[in-house]
Amino acid sequence: MTVQLTAREPVAPPPPSGKRLSKAERAALGWALLSCAVALLLVLVAHNARHGAVAARIANPAVHGAPRPVAPLLGWTHWLALEQIGTIVMVVQLVVLIAVMWRRHPKHPVLLMALCITGIVWQDAIMNWAPYAVYNPQLWHWPETWGLVSLSPTVEPFIVVGYVAFYLAPFFPAVWILRRLQRRRPVDSFVWRHPLISLAVLIYVVGFVYDAVQEILLVRSQLYIYSQVIPFGSVFAGKPYQFPLLWESTLVTTVMIPAGVLLYRDDTGRTVAEKLAQRIRGFRGHPALGTLAVMFAILNASYLFLYGGSFAVIRASGAATSIACPYPFPEAKVYDPQGYYEKAGQPGPYSAGIWDGWQTGQSGRPQVHAPSSGRCSPKSG
């Protein structure tokens, strides 16, 4: 008996349930989702935007409108509109620039740093509280009673989204100067042996001047004020546009310097942030994510502990005794957590803010005997 074997025809695999997206399609989907998220964020901001001193926490019910006891820079009353429109234009340009550069140079360290610097804006309300930075209530702002933003002495404005143009800008002229110095000096010189220290010093110098010029003009235009400063090291002390030059322009570089140092490339072509990220085992397979995480962690720590912590010590010490007189925003309560305005005869009502206890080295706003006249009293004028 002969058995004839016949070959079985191969069975075709079942058709795939769905077509996988290509890399380009996944990228397009990602950008579409990101655009939707940004659009939703803008809708949220527009829906909750406020203008003026609205909440009872800061509003002075005895004042209607926004009278100003002191004229702004050059007597021009449209600075706020110009600054807010300028911020919108700048942010739109930055978003477009980052999007274009990301397509050409995806995950570039400078772009990752721009995202990280923008990300630390969540701490801005704390950093308004720490150095007595009182913003003009006429700025468009978040609701004054919302969680973290309520830490601001008056309001938390939207214009702070432009952080990247402030904290990252000094890096570029500083690293340009460093490269020129290195080209002109032998390899055993200081700028070659200690490039990170050299870059830090250059960023400090550039950043100090950059901050001082910018902030003095902004304060003079009444975008905000420093309601209390240490007399020593400050310019225009006692005026409504006083500015803590030595303190503020030095401490802002505690964020500028780490941002710049992390972007420095050595002769291997890798940045300091990339090299630090490679030391963390969990990020070795995800270098861009690791770089982003390292940048974000270091910048947040620098901002919170070096900048904010230093000003918190100044607050607790009671050394910031010079007040901006007269208080330029009468539609809002006078921000007077330590009673210096009331002692100087500035009419109330007064606000101690949210953190007026152990955070300021005291237990609430102190009881003050208001004099019949004083430096800030209307009678003294």
Protein backbone atom coordinates (compact mmCIF):
# COMPACT_ATOMS: atom_id res chain seq x y z
CA MET A 1 0.00 0.00 0.00
CA THR A 2 1.41 3.27 -1.05
CA VAL A 3 0.59 6.49 0.80
CA GLN A 4 0.92 9.62 -1.23
CA LEU A 5 1.73 12.74 0.73
CA THR A 6 0.61 16.05 -0.56
CA ALA A 7 2.20 19.26 0.52
CA ARG A 8 -0.05 21.60 2.44
CA GLU A 9 -0.37 25.01 0.99
CA PRO A 10 0.95 27.68 3.32
CA VAL A 11 -1.68 29.52 5.28
CA ALA A 12 -1.49 33.28 4.87
CA PRO A 13 -1.22 35.19 8.15
CA PRO A 14 -4.28 37.20 9.12
CA PRO A 15 -4.23 40.77 7.92
CA PRO A 16 -3.02 43.29 10.49
CA SER A 17 -5.77 44.83 12.55
CA GLY A 18 -4.47 48.33 11.91
CA LYS A 19 -1.72 50.14 10.10
CA ARG A 20 1.12 51.43 12.28
CA LEU A 21 1.83 55.12 12.06
CA SER A 22 5.07 56.16 10.48
CA LYS A 23 7.59 58.26 12.36
CA ALA A 24 6.51 61.38 10.49
CA GLU A 25 2.86 60.66 11.24
CA ARG A 26 3.60 60.15 14.93
CA ALA A 27 5.48 63.44 15.00
CA ALA A 28 2.59 65.22 13.29
CA LEU A 29 0.16 63.71 15.80
CA GLY A 30 2.36 64.84 18.66
CA TRP A 31 2.49 68.40 17.39
CA ALA A 32 -1.28 68.37 16.86
CA LEU A 33 -1.88 67.24 20.44
CA LEU A 34 0.57 69.83 21.72
CA SER A 35 -1.21 72.54 19.72
CA CYS A 36 -4.54 71.47 21.20
CA ALA A 37 -3.10 71.60 24.71
CA VAL A 38 -1.72 75.09 24.12
CA ALA A 39 -5.07 76.21 22.72
CA LEU A 40 -6.90 74.84 25.75
CA LEU A 41 -4.41 76.60 28.04
CA LEU A 42 -5.01 79.89 26.26
CA VAL A 43 -8.76 79.43 26.62
CA LEU A 44 -8.28 78.75 30.34
CA VAL A 45 -6.14 81.86 30.74
CA ALA A 46 -8.59 84.05 28.82
CA HIS A 47 -11.56 82.71 30.77
CA ASN A 48 -9.97 83.40 34.15
CA ALA A 49 -8.15 86.63 33.33
CA ARG A 50 -8.77 89.52 35.69
CA HIS A 51 -7.94 93.19 35.56
CA GLY A 52 -7.61 95.50 38.53
CA ALA A 53 -7.77 94.83 42.26
CA VAL A 54 -10.84 92.57 42.38
CA ALA A 55 -10.63 90.20 45.34
CA ALA A 56 -11.32 91.45 48.86
CA ARG A 57 -7.91 90.06 49.85
CA ILE A 58 -6.16 92.98 48.14
CA ALA A 59 -8.83 95.49 47.06
CA ASN A 60 -9.12 98.90 48.74
CA PRO A 61 -12.89 99.53 48.70
CA ALA A 62 -12.43 103.25 49.36
CA VAL A 63 -10.73 103.85 46.00
CA HIS A 64 -12.45 103.73 42.63
CA GLY A 65 -10.48 103.45 39.43
CA ALA A 66 -6.68 103.49 39.47
CA PRO A 67 -5.39 106.90 40.54
CA ARG A 68 -1.61 107.23 40.73
CA PRO A 69 0.08 109.49 43.29
CA VAL A 70 3.30 109.34 41.26
CA ALA A 71 3.70 109.71 37.50
CA PRO A 72 5.34 106.78 35.66
CA LEU A 73 8.47 107.04 33.52
CA LEU A 74 8.39 110.19 31.35
CA GLY A 75 4.81 110.78 32.49
CA TRP A 76 3.56 108.31 29.86
CA THR A 77 0.56 106.31 31.10
CA HIS A 78 0.53 103.55 28.49
CA TRP A 79 3.55 101.54 29.62
CA LEU A 80 1.48 98.61 30.89
CA ALA A 81 -0.31 98.14 27.58
CA LEU A 82 2.99 98.33 25.69
CA GLU A 83 4.68 95.83 28.02
CA GLN A 84 1.82 93.35 27.90
CA ILE A 85 1.48 93.52 24.12
CA GLY A 86 5.25 93.23 23.82
CA THR A 87 5.20 90.10 25.99
CA ILE A 88 2.54 88.49 23.79
CA VAL A 89 4.51 89.26 20.62
CA MET A 90 7.73 87.97 22.19
CA VAL A 91 6.15 84.72 23.41
CA VAL A 92 4.55 84.04 20.02
CA GLN A 93 7.91 84.61 18.31
CA LEU A 94 9.65 82.32 20.81
CA VAL A 95 7.09 79.55 20.32
CA VAL A 96 7.46 79.75 16.54
CA LEU A 97 11.26 79.85 16.79
CA ILE A 98 11.38 76.86 19.14
CA ALA A 99 8.99 74.89 16.91
CA VAL A 100 11.06 75.59 13.80
CA MET A 101 14.37 74.85 15.53
CA TRP A 102 12.96 71.67 17.08
CA ARG A 103 12.17 70.32 13.63
CA ARG A 104 15.68 71.15 12.44
CA HIS A 105 17.54 70.21 15.61
CA PRO A 106 15.25 67.96 17.68
CA LYS A 107 16.06 67.72 21.39
CA HIS A 108 18.82 70.32 21.14
CA PRO A 109 20.08 71.26 24.65
CA VAL A 110 19.31 74.97 24.19
CA LEU A 111 15.71 74.13 23.31
CA LEU A 112 15.44 71.81 26.30
CA MET A 113 16.81 74.59 28.51
CA ALA A 114 14.24 77.03 27.10
CA LEU A 115 11.48 74.61 28.12
CA CYS A 116 12.95 74.19 31.60
CA ILE A 117 13.27 77.92 32.22
CA THR A 118 9.69 78.43 31.10
CA GLY A 119 8.72 75.60 33.45
CA ILE A 120 10.06 77.27 36.59
CA VAL A 121 7.42 79.98 36.23
CA TRP A 122 5.29 77.92 38.64
CA GLN A 123 7.44 79.41 41.43
CA ASP A 124 6.93 83.03 40.39
CA ALA A 125 4.35 83.83 43.07
CA ILE A 126 6.79 82.66 45.75
CA MET A 127 9.50 84.79 44.20
CA ASN A 128 7.23 87.83 44.28
CA TRP A 129 6.55 87.23 47.95
CA ALA A 130 10.21 86.78 48.93
CA PRO A 131 11.66 90.14 47.70
CA TYR A 132 8.47 92.23 48.25
CA ALA A 133 7.79 92.45 44.51
CA VAL A 134 4.35 94.09 44.31
CA TYR A 135 2.83 94.01 40.81
CA ASN A 136 0.56 96.69 39.40
CA PRO A 137 -3.04 95.41 39.86
CA GLN A 138 -3.99 96.84 36.46
CA LEU A 139 -2.04 94.07 34.75
CA TRP A 140 -4.06 91.17 33.39
CA HIS A 141 -3.62 88.48 36.02
CA TRP A 142 -4.81 85.21 37.52
CA PRO A 143 -7.60 85.38 40.13
CA GLU A 144 -6.02 86.72 43.33
CA THR A 145 -7.46 83.94 45.50
CA TRP A 146 -6.20 80.97 43.49
CA GLY A 147 -3.93 78.64 45.49
CA LEU A 148 -0.27 79.25 44.78
CA VAL A 149 -0.75 82.52 42.88
CA SER A 150 -2.33 84.07 45.99
CA LEU A 151 1.16 84.21 47.54
CA SER A 152 1.93 87.25 45.39
CA PRO A 153 1.59 90.44 47.44
CA THR A 154 -1.01 91.81 45.03
CA VAL A 155 -1.53 89.92 41.74
CA GLU A 156 0.20 87.24 39.70
CA PRO A 157 0.33 88.58 36.12
CA PHE A 158 0.48 86.62 32.90
CA ILE A 159 3.55 88.43 31.55
CA VAL A 160 5.93 86.21 33.55
CA VAL A 161 5.63 83.53 30.86
CA GLY A 162 8.49 85.33 29.13
CA TYR A 163 11.04 84.03 31.66
CA VAL A 164 13.23 82.43 29.00
CA ALA A 165 14.11 85.80 27.45
CA PHE A 166 15.27 86.96 30.86
CA TYR A 167 17.18 84.06 32.40
CA LEU A 168 18.73 82.51 29.29
CA ALA A 169 19.75 85.62 27.35
CA PRO A 170 23.01 86.39 29.28
CA PHE A 171 24.43 82.96 28.38
CA PHE A 172 24.90 83.80 24.70
CA PRO A 173 27.11 86.92 25.02
CA ALA A 174 28.96 85.33 27.94
CA VAL A 175 29.87 82.13 26.08
CA TRP A 176 30.81 84.20 23.01
CA ILE A 177 33.23 86.25 25.12
CA LEU A 178 34.63 83.06 26.69
CA ARG A 179 35.30 81.47 23.30
CA ARG A 180 37.10 84.60 22.10
CA LEU A 181 39.23 84.66 25.25
CA GLN A 182 40.10 80.99 24.79
CA ARG A 183 41.16 81.53 21.19
CA ARG A 184 43.55 84.30 22.23
CA ARG A 185 45.13 82.52 25.18
CA PRO A 186 47.29 79.40 25.57
CA VAL A 187 45.71 76.13 26.69
CA ASP A 188 47.32 76.41 30.13
CA SER A 189 45.59 79.74 30.86
CA PHE A 190 42.79 80.10 33.43
CA VAL A 191 39.99 80.27 30.85
CA TRP A 192 41.07 76.88 29.50
CA ARG A 193 41.81 75.19 32.80
CA HIS A 194 38.62 76.48 34.48
CA PRO A 195 36.09 77.16 31.72
CA LEU A 196 33.02 76.68 33.91
CA ILE A 197 34.24 79.15 36.52
CA SER A 198 35.14 81.61 33.77
CA LEU A 199 31.72 81.23 32.17
CA ALA A 200 30.00 81.69 35.54
CA VAL A 201 31.90 84.93 36.17
CA LEU A 202 31.05 86.25 32.71
CA ILE A 203 27.36 85.37 33.11
CA TYR A 204 27.37 87.14 36.47
CA VAL A 205 28.73 90.35 34.96
CA VAL A 206 26.50 90.28 31.89
CA GLY A 207 23.47 89.17 33.89
CA PHE A 208 23.96 91.81 36.59
CA VAL A 209 24.00 94.64 34.04
CA TYR A 210 21.20 93.10 31.97
CA ASP A 211 18.94 92.71 35.00
CA ALA A 212 19.71 96.12 36.48
CA VAL A 213 18.95 98.06 33.29
CA GLN A 214 15.82 96.08 32.55
CA GLU A 215 14.35 96.07 36.05
CA ILE A 216 15.06 99.73 36.83
CA LEU A 217 13.15 100.71 33.69
CA LEU A 218 10.28 98.32 34.47
CA VAL A 219 9.97 99.55 38.04
CA ARG A 220 10.10 103.14 36.87
CA SER A 221 7.27 102.41 34.41
CA GLN A 222 5.21 101.08 37.37
CA LEU A 223 4.95 97.52 36.11
CA TYR A 224 5.80 96.57 39.70
CA ILE A 225 7.65 97.90 42.72
CA TYR A 226 9.90 96.56 45.45
CA SER A 227 7.87 97.76 48.41
CA GLN A 228 10.70 97.08 50.90
CA VAL A 229 14.44 96.95 50.29
CA ILE A 230 17.66 96.99 52.30
CA PRO A 231 18.85 100.62 52.16
CA PHE A 232 22.47 99.57 51.63
CA GLY A 233 23.10 98.45 48.07
CA SER A 234 19.83 99.88 46.76
CA VAL A 235 19.29 102.78 44.37
CA PHE A 236 16.59 105.43 44.74
CA ALA A 237 15.94 104.14 48.27
CA GLY A 238 12.71 105.50 49.72
CA LYS A 239 11.30 106.47 46.33
CA PRO A 240 8.34 104.64 44.75
CA TYR A 241 10.79 103.24 42.20
CA GLN A 242 13.48 102.09 44.64
CA PHE A 243 15.46 99.09 43.45
CA PRO A 244 17.64 96.63 45.45
CA LEU A 245 20.48 96.77 42.93
CA LEU A 246 23.14 94.81 44.79
CA TRP A 247 20.73 92.19 46.09
CA GLU A 248 18.32 91.59 43.20
CA SER A 249 20.79 91.89 40.33
CA THR A 250 23.18 89.53 42.11
CA LEU A 251 20.64 86.94 43.17
CA VAL A 252 18.95 86.62 39.75
CA THR A 253 22.27 85.32 38.45
CA THR A 254 21.88 82.30 40.77
CA VAL A 255 19.48 81.04 38.08
CA MET A 256 21.27 82.51 35.05
CA ILE A 257 24.60 80.93 35.98
CA PRO A 258 23.37 77.30 36.37
CA ALA A 259 21.39 77.64 33.14
CA GLY A 260 24.48 78.78 31.25
CA VAL A 261 26.94 76.35 32.84
CA LEU A 262 24.67 73.39 32.07
CA LEU A 263 24.77 74.39 28.38
CA TYR A 264 28.57 74.60 28.15
CA ARG A 265 30.04 72.13 25.65
CA ASP A 266 33.46 70.65 26.23
CA ASP A 267 35.82 69.35 23.55
CA THR A 268 33.72 66.16 23.22
CA GLY A 269 30.75 68.22 22.03
CA ARG A 270 28.57 67.28 24.99
CA THR A 271 27.04 69.76 27.39
CA VAL A 272 27.46 69.61 31.16
CA ALA A 273 23.78 68.69 31.51
CA GLU A 274 24.18 65.76 29.10
CA LYS A 275 27.21 64.47 30.97
CA LEU A 276 25.40 64.69 34.31
CA ALA A 277 22.38 62.87 32.88
CA GLN A 278 24.61 60.00 31.69
CA ARG A 279 25.67 59.38 35.27
CA ILE A 280 22.10 58.53 36.24
CA ARG A 281 21.46 54.89 35.40
CA GLY A 282 17.76 55.28 34.70
CA PHE A 283 18.40 57.88 31.99
CA ARG A 284 21.16 56.15 30.06
CA GLY A 285 18.73 54.86 27.47
CA HIS A 286 16.90 58.18 27.29
CA PRO A 287 19.56 60.90 27.01
CA ALA A 288 17.23 63.75 26.04
CA LEU A 289 14.79 62.98 28.85
CA GLY A 290 17.68 62.73 31.29
CA THR A 291 19.11 66.06 30.14
CA LEU A 292 15.70 67.70 30.52
CA ALA A 293 15.24 66.23 34.01
CA VAL A 294 18.69 67.35 35.17
CA MET A 295 18.14 70.87 33.87
CA PHE A 296 14.68 71.15 35.42
CA ALA A 297 15.80 69.85 38.82
CA ILE A 298 18.86 72.08 39.08
CA LEU A 299 17.08 75.24 37.91
CA ASN A 300 14.16 74.72 40.26
CA ALA A 301 16.47 74.11 43.20
CA SER A 302 18.57 77.18 42.35
CA TYR A 303 15.50 79.37 42.00
CA LEU A 304 13.85 78.14 45.19
CA PHE A 305 16.80 77.86 47.56
CA LEU A 306 19.40 80.34 46.26
CA TYR A 307 17.20 83.16 44.97
CA GLY A 308 14.04 82.71 47.04
CA GLY A 309 15.84 81.42 50.10
CA SER A 310 18.21 84.39 50.19
CA PHE A 311 15.36 86.89 50.04
CA ALA A 312 13.43 84.91 52.65
CA VAL A 313 16.41 85.35 55.01
CA ILE A 314 16.39 89.09 54.27
CA ARG A 315 12.66 89.21 55.10
CA ALA A 316 13.09 87.32 58.36
CA SER A 317 16.04 89.53 59.39
CA GLY A 318 13.94 92.70 59.16
CA ALA A 319 16.76 94.42 57.25
CA ALA A 320 14.53 95.55 54.38
CA THR A 321 13.41 98.74 56.13
CA SER A 322 13.29 101.19 53.20
CA ILE A 323 9.74 101.47 51.86
CA ALA A 324 8.57 102.69 48.44
CA CYS A 325 6.83 105.91 49.42
CA PRO A 326 4.18 106.93 48.58
CA TYR A 327 2.57 103.56 47.84
CA PRO A 328 1.86 103.85 44.10
CA PHE A 329 -1.13 101.48 43.80
CA PRO A 330 -3.90 102.96 46.02
CA GLU A 331 -6.66 100.79 44.51
CA ALA A 332 -5.02 97.91 46.39
CA LYS A 333 -4.37 97.51 50.08
CA VAL A 334 -0.92 98.61 51.15
CA TYR A 335 1.31 95.53 51.32
CA ASP A 336 2.77 96.03 54.79
CA PRO A 337 3.56 92.68 56.45
CA GLN A 338 5.99 94.19 58.97
CA GLY A 339 4.22 97.49 59.69
CA TYR A 340 6.84 99.82 58.22
CA TYR A 341 4.34 101.64 56.01
CA GLU A 342 1.97 102.28 58.89
CA LYS A 343 4.87 103.54 61.02
CA ALA A 344 5.75 106.01 58.25
CA GLY A 345 2.18 107.35 58.09
CA GLN A 346 1.06 105.72 54.84
CA PRO A 347 -2.76 105.55 54.91
CA GLY A 348 -4.28 102.05 54.92
CA PRO A 349 -5.96 99.67 54.67
CA TYR A 350 -3.06 97.28 55.00
CA SER A 351 -2.41 93.74 53.86
CA ALA A 352 0.00 91.30 55.43
CA GLY A 353 -0.28 88.80 52.61
CA ILE A 354 -0.68 85.04 52.88
CA TRP A 355 2.68 84.20 54.44
CA ASP A 356 2.98 86.59 57.39
CA GLY A 357 3.90 84.10 60.11
CA TRP A 358 6.91 81.86 60.60
CA GLN A 359 7.78 82.27 56.89
CA THR A 360 8.65 85.90 57.63
CA GLY A 361 10.17 85.19 61.03
CA GLN A 362 7.18 86.59 62.92
CA SER A 363 3.70 85.63 64.10
CA GLY A 364 1.37 87.75 62.00
CA ARG A 365 1.53 91.43 61.25
CA PRO A 366 2.80 93.35 64.31
CA GLN A 367 0.66 95.92 66.11
CA VAL A 368 1.78 99.39 65.09
CA HIS A 369 1.00 102.78 66.59
CA ALA A 370 0.25 104.95 63.57
CA PRO A 371 1.75 108.44 63.90
CA SER A 372 -0.23 111.56 63.07
CA SER A 373 2.37 112.36 60.42
CA GLY A 374 5.30 110.65 58.83
CA ARG A 375 7.41 110.38 55.72
CA CYS A 376 4.60 108.64 53.82
CA SER A 377 1.78 110.69 55.30
CA PRO A 378 -0.18 112.85 52.82
CA LYS A 379 0.25 115.73 55.30
CA SER A 380 4.02 115.57 54.89
CA GLY A 381 3.69 116.37 51.18
